[in-house]
Amino acid sequence: MRGLVVRETTGPAAVALADDLPEPEGAHPWAEGERLLVEVRAAAVSFPDLLQSRGAYQHGVPAPYVTGGEYAGVVLEAPPGSRFLPGDRVAGFCVWGAAAERVLAIPRYTVRIPDALSWIEGAAFFLNYATAWFTLERAGFRDTESVLVHGAAGGVGTATLDLLRGRAKPAIAVVSSEAKADVAVRCGADVVLRTDEPWSEQARERTGGVDVVVDTVGGDRFTDSLRALDVGGRLMVVGFAEGSIPEVKVNRLLLRNLSVMGVALDPWQQRFPDHGSRLVDALESAAQDGRVRPYVGHRLSLADGADALGILDRREAHGKVVIEISA
């Protein structure tokens, strides 16, 4: 079996193509003994995969391991009595192991996808859209509220903008370049602001105060995000792509009744098991109805896939980075 292996946890440079990998055995460690085996047609990488390649991800595994946390493909084996059957077109999140010809899937993090969604789009679907959907749910977002999205040209950012099409008034993208601005507009942004300009002040001028901020970046933007919020505004902490973890002085929250909320899907679903089925139903419905348009900015062959994490590490990624595994 072929796949992309992280030989040691020293970063993206340690990824190499191997053609002698063993077939997956048993069940995924997160699958509670349920063996769901998928023939992978396309795999995707995201920021957790980059962290994992450096041994810095809380859910990582020791090297050597197959990289790739997301996939799209065809079910080969399904647990008895499950909602899946051999031959089903599926996409999902598997934490690691996707960038190979076969992967062990996690049933609760797997969705069926329609024929209209390509394998490439399917690989870009689950994690970003699950995170975006859960973020907006946690925020209590209501149609016609204003939403500002950091990292708006990245995977979660583009998915969030896509889900907000025609709903947010306005959807504001914050980006660092003209190329990323173009991506944000394609994915549904009504307003685009640049990080090299006074974006926080501009956001307040356009809205009178933003209702929701979706922050995948962290770092120095955090305090300015609080300044951009309206009274009662909500700042959603999704990630720290910038690298540093910000701190908040709680008097800022008190003075304008602001809320700062973390967004971490797995512990929520562990605590509230019924939530998982609602999430799966929402994602499958959105895909079936054609309401999602996953944006893939980088499409690599398996032979060239060793650079997938490098694209993320160099901050070159627009939308999703996807690796074609087989036709």
Protein backbone atom coordinates (compact mmCIF):
# COMPACT_ATOMS: atom_id res chain seq x y z
CA MET A 1 0.00 0.00 0.00
CA ARG A 2 1.27 3.49 -0.90
CA GLY A 3 1.07 6.50 1.37
CA LEU A 4 2.79 9.60 2.74
CA VAL A 5 4.68 8.82 5.92
CA VAL A 6 6.04 11.19 8.57
CA ARG A 7 9.28 9.39 9.40
CA GLU A 8 10.06 11.50 12.47
CA THR A 9 8.34 14.41 14.19
CA THR A 10 10.70 17.10 12.91
CA GLY A 11 8.22 18.88 10.66
CA PRO A 12 7.05 18.81 7.03
CA ALA A 13 10.48 17.94 5.65
CA ALA A 14 10.18 14.49 7.27
CA VAL A 15 7.26 13.47 4.99
CA ALA A 16 8.12 10.90 2.32
CA LEU A 17 6.24 8.63 -0.09
CA ALA A 18 6.32 4.94 0.83
CA ASP A 19 5.04 2.06 -1.31
CA ASP A 20 5.32 -0.80 1.19
CA LEU A 21 2.91 0.16 3.95
CA PRO A 22 0.93 -2.58 5.71
CA GLU A 23 -2.81 -2.81 5.21
CA PRO A 24 -4.85 -1.23 8.04
CA GLU A 25 -5.85 -3.77 10.68
CA GLY A 26 -8.62 -3.75 13.26
CA ALA A 27 -10.48 -0.51 13.94
CA HIS A 28 -9.42 3.09 14.36
CA PRO A 29 -8.52 3.79 18.02
CA TRP A 30 -11.31 6.40 18.17
CA ALA A 31 -13.92 4.06 16.62
CA GLU A 32 -14.80 2.04 19.74
CA GLY A 33 -13.99 -1.22 17.99
CA GLU A 34 -16.04 -0.54 14.85
CA ARG A 35 -14.02 -1.32 11.74
CA LEU A 36 -14.88 1.07 8.91
CA LEU A 37 -12.37 0.66 6.06
CA VAL A 38 -12.32 3.14 3.19
CA GLU A 39 -10.54 3.08 -0.16
CA VAL A 40 -9.18 6.62 -0.36
CA ARG A 41 -9.62 8.63 -3.54
CA ALA A 42 -8.41 11.97 -2.14
CA ALA A 43 -6.94 13.14 1.17
CA ALA A 44 -6.54 16.56 2.74
CA VAL A 45 -4.25 18.17 5.29
CA SER A 46 -4.90 21.02 7.70
CA PHE A 47 -3.23 22.86 10.57
CA PRO A 48 -3.52 19.95 13.06
CA ASP A 49 -1.57 17.77 10.60
CA LEU A 50 1.20 20.36 10.58
CA LEU A 51 1.30 20.43 14.39
CA GLN A 52 1.27 16.64 14.48
CA SER A 53 4.31 16.48 12.17
CA ARG A 54 6.23 18.32 14.92
CA GLY A 55 4.85 16.24 17.77
CA ALA A 56 2.85 19.25 18.98
CA TYR A 57 -0.72 18.00 18.48
CA GLN A 58 -2.56 16.67 21.52
CA HIS A 59 -4.13 13.85 19.51
CA GLY A 60 -0.99 12.89 17.61
CA VAL A 61 0.64 9.47 17.32
CA PRO A 62 4.33 8.54 17.44
CA ALA A 63 6.30 8.49 14.20
CA PRO A 64 6.39 6.84 11.80
CA TYR A 65 2.75 7.36 10.81
CA VAL A 66 0.72 8.21 7.70
CA THR A 67 -0.20 11.89 7.55
CA GLY A 68 -3.54 13.35 6.52
CA GLY A 69 -6.54 13.92 8.75
CA GLU A 70 -9.29 13.96 6.11
CA TYR A 71 -10.35 11.81 3.19
CA ALA A 72 -12.98 11.06 0.60
CA GLY A 73 -13.44 7.59 -0.81
CA VAL A 74 -15.46 4.39 -1.08
CA VAL A 75 -16.42 2.14 1.82
CA LEU A 76 -14.79 -1.29 1.58
CA GLU A 77 -15.86 -2.73 4.94
CA ALA A 78 -18.50 -1.44 7.37
CA PRO A 79 -19.51 -2.50 10.88
CA PRO A 80 -22.59 -4.76 11.03
CA GLY A 81 -25.74 -2.73 11.54
CA SER A 82 -24.05 0.60 10.86
CA ARG A 83 -25.42 3.37 8.66
CA PHE A 84 -22.76 2.56 6.04
CA LEU A 85 -22.55 -0.12 3.36
CA PRO A 86 -19.72 -1.22 1.06
CA GLY A 87 -19.75 0.98 -2.01
CA ASP A 88 -20.95 4.12 -0.21
CA ARG A 89 -19.27 7.40 -1.20
CA VAL A 90 -18.06 8.95 2.05
CA ALA A 91 -15.89 11.72 3.48
CA GLY A 92 -14.63 12.19 6.98
CA PHE A 93 -12.08 13.10 9.62
CA CYS A 94 -9.66 10.39 10.75
CA VAL A 95 -6.98 12.42 12.67
CA TRP A 96 -4.15 10.66 10.81
CA GLY A 97 -3.72 8.02 8.10
CA ALA A 98 -5.72 9.54 5.23
CA ALA A 99 -2.88 10.07 2.76
CA ALA A 100 -2.71 6.41 1.81
CA GLU A 101 -4.64 4.07 -0.44
CA ARG A 102 -6.80 2.80 2.44
CA VAL A 103 -7.72 4.29 5.79
CA LEU A 104 -9.52 3.27 8.96
CA ALA A 105 -12.40 5.71 9.44
CA ILE A 106 -14.25 6.89 12.54
CA PRO A 107 -17.99 6.24 12.00
CA ARG A 108 -19.18 9.26 14.00
CA TYR A 109 -16.91 11.52 11.94
CA THR A 110 -17.95 10.10 8.57
CA VAL A 111 -20.65 11.37 6.23
CA ARG A 112 -22.11 10.13 2.97
CA ILE A 113 -21.51 12.47 0.04
CA PRO A 114 -23.49 12.79 -3.22
CA ASP A 115 -22.16 12.09 -6.70
CA ALA A 116 -22.27 15.83 -7.39
CA LEU A 117 -19.44 16.38 -4.89
CA SER A 118 -16.11 15.38 -6.43
CA TRP A 119 -13.54 13.34 -4.53
CA ILE A 120 -11.34 16.43 -4.29
CA GLU A 121 -14.21 18.50 -2.86
CA GLY A 122 -15.18 15.65 -0.57
CA ALA A 123 -11.73 15.52 0.98
CA ALA A 124 -12.03 19.26 1.66
CA PHE A 125 -15.46 18.94 3.23
CA PHE A 126 -15.80 17.35 6.63
CA LEU A 127 -13.39 19.00 9.08
CA ASN A 128 -13.68 22.57 7.79
CA TYR A 129 -17.45 22.55 7.47
CA ALA A 130 -18.00 20.68 10.74
CA THR A 131 -15.83 23.25 12.50
CA ALA A 132 -17.54 26.18 10.77
CA TRP A 133 -21.04 24.81 11.47
CA PHE A 134 -20.22 24.13 15.13
CA THR A 135 -18.62 27.57 15.51
CA LEU A 136 -21.73 29.33 14.26
CA GLU A 137 -23.92 27.09 16.42
CA ARG A 138 -21.83 27.82 19.54
CA ALA A 139 -21.97 31.53 18.73
CA GLY A 140 -25.74 31.42 18.55
CA PHE A 141 -25.49 33.09 15.15
CA ARG A 142 -28.77 34.44 13.77
CA ASP A 143 -29.41 35.39 10.17
CA THR A 144 -28.68 39.08 9.43
CA GLU A 145 -26.03 39.34 12.17
CA SER A 146 -22.59 40.61 11.14
CA VAL A 147 -19.69 38.14 11.23
CA LEU A 148 -15.97 38.89 10.89
CA VAL A 149 -13.74 35.98 9.84
CA HIS A 150 -9.98 35.88 10.40
CA GLY A 151 -7.88 33.59 8.24
CA ALA A 152 -10.67 34.00 5.74
CA ALA A 153 -8.77 32.42 2.84
CA GLY A 154 -7.85 29.31 4.83
CA GLY A 155 -9.79 26.08 5.14
CA VAL A 156 -12.07 26.93 8.08
CA GLY A 157 -12.33 30.55 6.92
CA THR A 158 -13.55 29.68 3.44
CA ALA A 159 -16.01 27.11 4.84
CA THR A 160 -17.39 29.68 7.31
CA LEU A 161 -17.88 32.24 4.55
CA ASP A 162 -19.58 29.59 2.41
CA LEU A 163 -22.06 28.75 5.18
CA LEU A 164 -22.76 32.47 5.69
CA ARG A 165 -23.66 33.20 2.04
CA GLY A 166 -26.79 35.34 1.98
CA ARG A 167 -27.18 35.04 5.75
CA ALA A 168 -24.67 37.35 7.45
CA LYS A 169 -25.19 41.10 7.05
CA PRO A 170 -22.37 41.47 6.25
CA ALA A 171 -19.81 38.64 6.16
CA ILE A 172 -16.46 40.38 6.67
CA ALA A 173 -13.19 38.71 5.67
CA VAL A 174 -9.84 39.78 7.13
CA VAL A 175 -6.89 38.76 4.93
CA SER A 176 -3.24 39.58 4.42
CA SER A 177 -2.93 39.80 0.62
CA GLU A 178 -4.80 40.63 -2.57
CA ALA A 179 -4.73 36.99 -3.66
CA LYS A 180 -6.38 35.94 -0.39
CA ALA A 181 -8.92 38.74 -0.80
CA ASP A 182 -9.94 37.25 -4.15
CA VAL A 183 -10.42 33.83 -2.54
CA ALA A 184 -12.55 35.32 0.24
CA VAL A 185 -14.82 37.06 -2.26
CA ARG A 186 -15.23 33.83 -4.25
CA CYS A 187 -16.24 32.05 -1.04
CA GLY A 188 -18.92 34.56 -0.08
CA ALA A 189 -17.35 37.55 1.68
CA ASP A 190 -19.38 40.76 1.38
CA VAL A 191 -16.56 42.95 2.71
CA VAL A 192 -12.80 42.33 2.65
CA LEU A 193 -10.41 44.10 5.01
CA ARG A 194 -6.61 43.91 5.03
CA THR A 195 -4.42 43.16 8.03
CA ASP A 196 -2.00 45.94 6.98
CA GLU A 197 -4.78 48.51 7.44
CA PRO A 198 -6.84 49.49 10.54
CA TRP A 199 -9.27 46.62 9.99
CA SER A 200 -10.79 46.71 13.48
CA GLU A 201 -11.76 50.36 13.15
CA GLN A 202 -13.01 49.80 9.61
CA ALA A 203 -15.17 46.88 10.74
CA ARG A 204 -16.79 48.99 13.44
CA GLU A 205 -17.40 51.82 10.98
CA ARG A 206 -19.17 49.47 8.55
CA THR A 207 -21.32 47.69 11.13
CA GLY A 208 -21.57 49.89 14.22
CA GLY A 209 -19.97 46.93 15.99
CA VAL A 210 -19.57 43.33 14.85
CA ASP A 211 -21.83 40.66 16.32
CA VAL A 212 -19.54 37.63 15.92
CA VAL A 213 -15.80 37.23 15.30
CA VAL A 214 -14.49 33.85 14.12
CA ASP A 215 -10.78 33.71 14.99
CA THR A 216 -8.60 30.92 13.60
CA VAL A 217 -5.42 32.99 13.88
CA GLY A 218 -4.96 34.24 17.45
CA GLY A 219 -1.88 36.28 18.29
CA ASP A 220 -1.97 40.06 18.13
CA ARG A 221 -5.36 40.19 16.39
CA PHE A 222 -7.21 39.06 19.48
CA THR A 223 -7.42 42.40 21.31
CA ASP A 224 -8.35 44.28 18.15
CA SER A 225 -11.08 41.69 17.57
CA LEU A 226 -12.55 42.52 20.98
CA ARG A 227 -12.46 46.21 20.04
CA ALA A 228 -14.38 45.46 16.83
CA LEU A 229 -17.29 43.80 18.66
CA ASP A 230 -20.63 45.42 19.43
CA VAL A 231 -22.11 45.31 22.92
CA GLY A 232 -23.01 41.67 23.54
CA GLY A 233 -20.65 40.50 20.80
CA ARG A 234 -19.08 37.03 20.73
CA LEU A 235 -15.49 36.13 19.89
CA MET A 236 -15.08 32.49 18.86
CA VAL A 237 -11.63 30.97 19.51
CA VAL A 238 -11.08 28.35 16.80
CA GLY A 239 -7.28 28.14 16.55
CA PHE A 240 -3.89 29.80 16.74
CA ALA A 241 -2.43 29.68 13.24
CA GLU A 242 -0.34 32.76 13.98
CA GLY A 243 1.53 30.69 16.55
CA SER A 244 1.06 32.61 19.81
CA ILE A 245 -1.79 32.21 22.26
CA PRO A 246 -3.32 35.55 23.30
CA GLU A 247 -4.56 36.54 26.75
CA VAL A 248 -7.59 38.63 27.62
CA LYS A 249 -8.09 41.18 30.39
CA VAL A 250 -11.56 40.35 31.62
CA ASN A 251 -12.47 43.97 32.27
CA ARG A 252 -12.78 44.28 28.47
CA LEU A 253 -15.51 41.67 28.60
CA LEU A 254 -17.30 43.28 31.52
CA LEU A 255 -17.52 46.78 30.10
CA ARG A 256 -19.39 45.77 26.92
CA ASN A 257 -20.92 42.42 27.90
CA LEU A 258 -18.63 40.52 25.55
CA SER A 259 -18.25 36.73 25.38
CA VAL A 260 -15.17 34.72 24.43
CA MET A 261 -15.93 31.07 23.62
CA GLY A 262 -13.72 28.15 22.69
CA VAL A 263 -14.60 25.89 19.77
CA ALA A 264 -13.44 22.27 20.16
CA LEU A 265 -15.78 19.73 18.60
CA ASP A 266 -14.55 16.42 20.01
CA PRO A 267 -14.86 17.19 23.76
CA TRP A 268 -18.31 18.68 23.11
CA GLN A 269 -19.48 15.51 21.39
CA GLN A 270 -17.93 13.36 24.10
CA ARG A 271 -19.96 15.27 26.67
CA PHE A 272 -23.12 15.51 24.53
CA PRO A 273 -23.24 12.34 22.38
CA ASP A 274 -26.51 13.27 20.67
CA HIS A 275 -24.81 16.28 19.11
CA GLY A 276 -22.87 14.08 16.68
CA SER A 277 -25.93 12.84 14.84
CA ARG A 278 -27.22 16.42 14.47
CA LEU A 279 -23.89 17.49 12.99
CA VAL A 280 -23.80 14.56 10.55
CA ASP A 281 -27.39 15.23 9.47
CA ALA A 282 -26.63 18.92 8.90
CA LEU A 283 -23.51 18.22 6.82
CA GLU A 284 -25.12 15.48 4.73
CA SER A 285 -28.15 17.67 4.08
CA ALA A 286 -25.99 20.63 3.03
CA ALA A 287 -23.95 18.46 0.65
CA GLN A 288 -27.01 16.71 -0.80
CA ASP A 289 -28.78 20.03 -1.42
CA GLY A 290 -25.73 21.56 -3.12
CA ARG A 291 -25.41 24.26 -0.47
CA VAL A 292 -21.66 23.81 0.02
CA ARG A 293 -18.84 24.65 -2.38
CA PRO A 294 -15.56 23.53 -0.77
CA TYR A 295 -12.72 25.69 -2.04
CA VAL A 296 -9.58 23.74 -2.97
CA GLY A 297 -6.62 26.01 -3.57
CA HIS A 298 -3.93 23.32 -3.94
CA ARG A 299 -4.33 19.98 -5.70
CA LEU A 300 -1.34 17.62 -5.55
CA SER A 301 -0.67 14.15 -6.89
CA LEU A 302 0.39 11.45 -4.45
CA ALA A 303 3.88 11.60 -5.97
CA ASP A 304 4.10 15.31 -5.13
CA GLY A 305 2.10 15.12 -1.92
CA ALA A 306 5.11 15.28 0.39
CA ASP A 307 4.96 19.07 0.00
CA ALA A 308 1.37 19.36 1.24
CA LEU A 309 2.39 20.16 4.82
CA GLY A 310 5.09 22.48 3.50
CA ILE A 311 2.44 24.59 1.77
CA LEU A 312 0.71 25.02 5.14
CA ASP A 313 3.96 25.69 6.95
CA ARG A 314 4.98 28.42 4.50
CA ARG A 315 1.55 30.07 4.93
CA GLU A 316 0.92 29.68 1.20
CA ALA A 317 -2.37 27.83 1.50
CA HIS A 318 -5.55 29.26 0.01
CA GLY A 319 -8.54 27.14 0.93
CA LYS A 320 -7.82 23.44 1.27
CA VAL A 321 -4.70 21.46 0.35
CA VAL A 322 -5.80 18.17 -1.22
CA ILE A 323 -3.82 15.14 -2.40
CA GLU A 324 -5.21 12.86 -5.11
CA ILE A 325 -4.65 9.26 -4.06
CA SER A 326 -6.39 7.30 -6.85
CA ALA A 327 -8.84 7.92 -9.70
